[in-house]
Amino acid sequence: MAKTKELSKDTRNKIVDLHQAGKTESAIGKQLGVKKSTVGVIIRKWKTYKTTDNLPRSGAPRKISPRGVKMITRTVSKNPRTTQGDLVNDLQRAGTKVTKATISNTLRRQGLKSCSARRVPLLKPVHVQGHLKSAREHLDDPEEDWENVIWDQDD
């Protein structure tokens, strides 16, 4: 189910005024083009709190400040190989204690995805010896010969 936009303060105040004038919820809804259930919610809120303002919602505040979010986004953009542990340590030095999961969620909200570096096979001793042999064979070659080399396939 998609989120809907909140009604403007003006519309909410009109709903309360029409309710005080004695109109029914369904009549108010038809007149203003708002669902009857929405009208009922606004009227109950006004009766309980005597206001139609947006009340504070539940949920914990963000652990990382907007400035901290910019800092870690900038750090990751400059150096994509930065680890979550490095970012946790950076924020800890700045005075914010967070977990790697918090960092991951924050970066995801910023549109950045995590990935692991590709694993590259190490050279085996046989390959190292082949490279050394090839290098020794061509050690005394004149510089003009190297200008003509496009691809060296010696093992």
Foldseek 3Di string as FASTA:
>chain_A
DDDDDDDDQVLLVVLLVVVVVPDQLVVSCVVVVHDSVVSVVSNVCCVVPVGSDDDDDDDDDQQADPVLLVVVLVVCVVPVVDALVNSQVVVVVVPGHDDSVSVQVSVVVVVDHHDDDDDDDDDDPVVVVQVVVVCVVCVPPDPVVVVPDDDDDGD
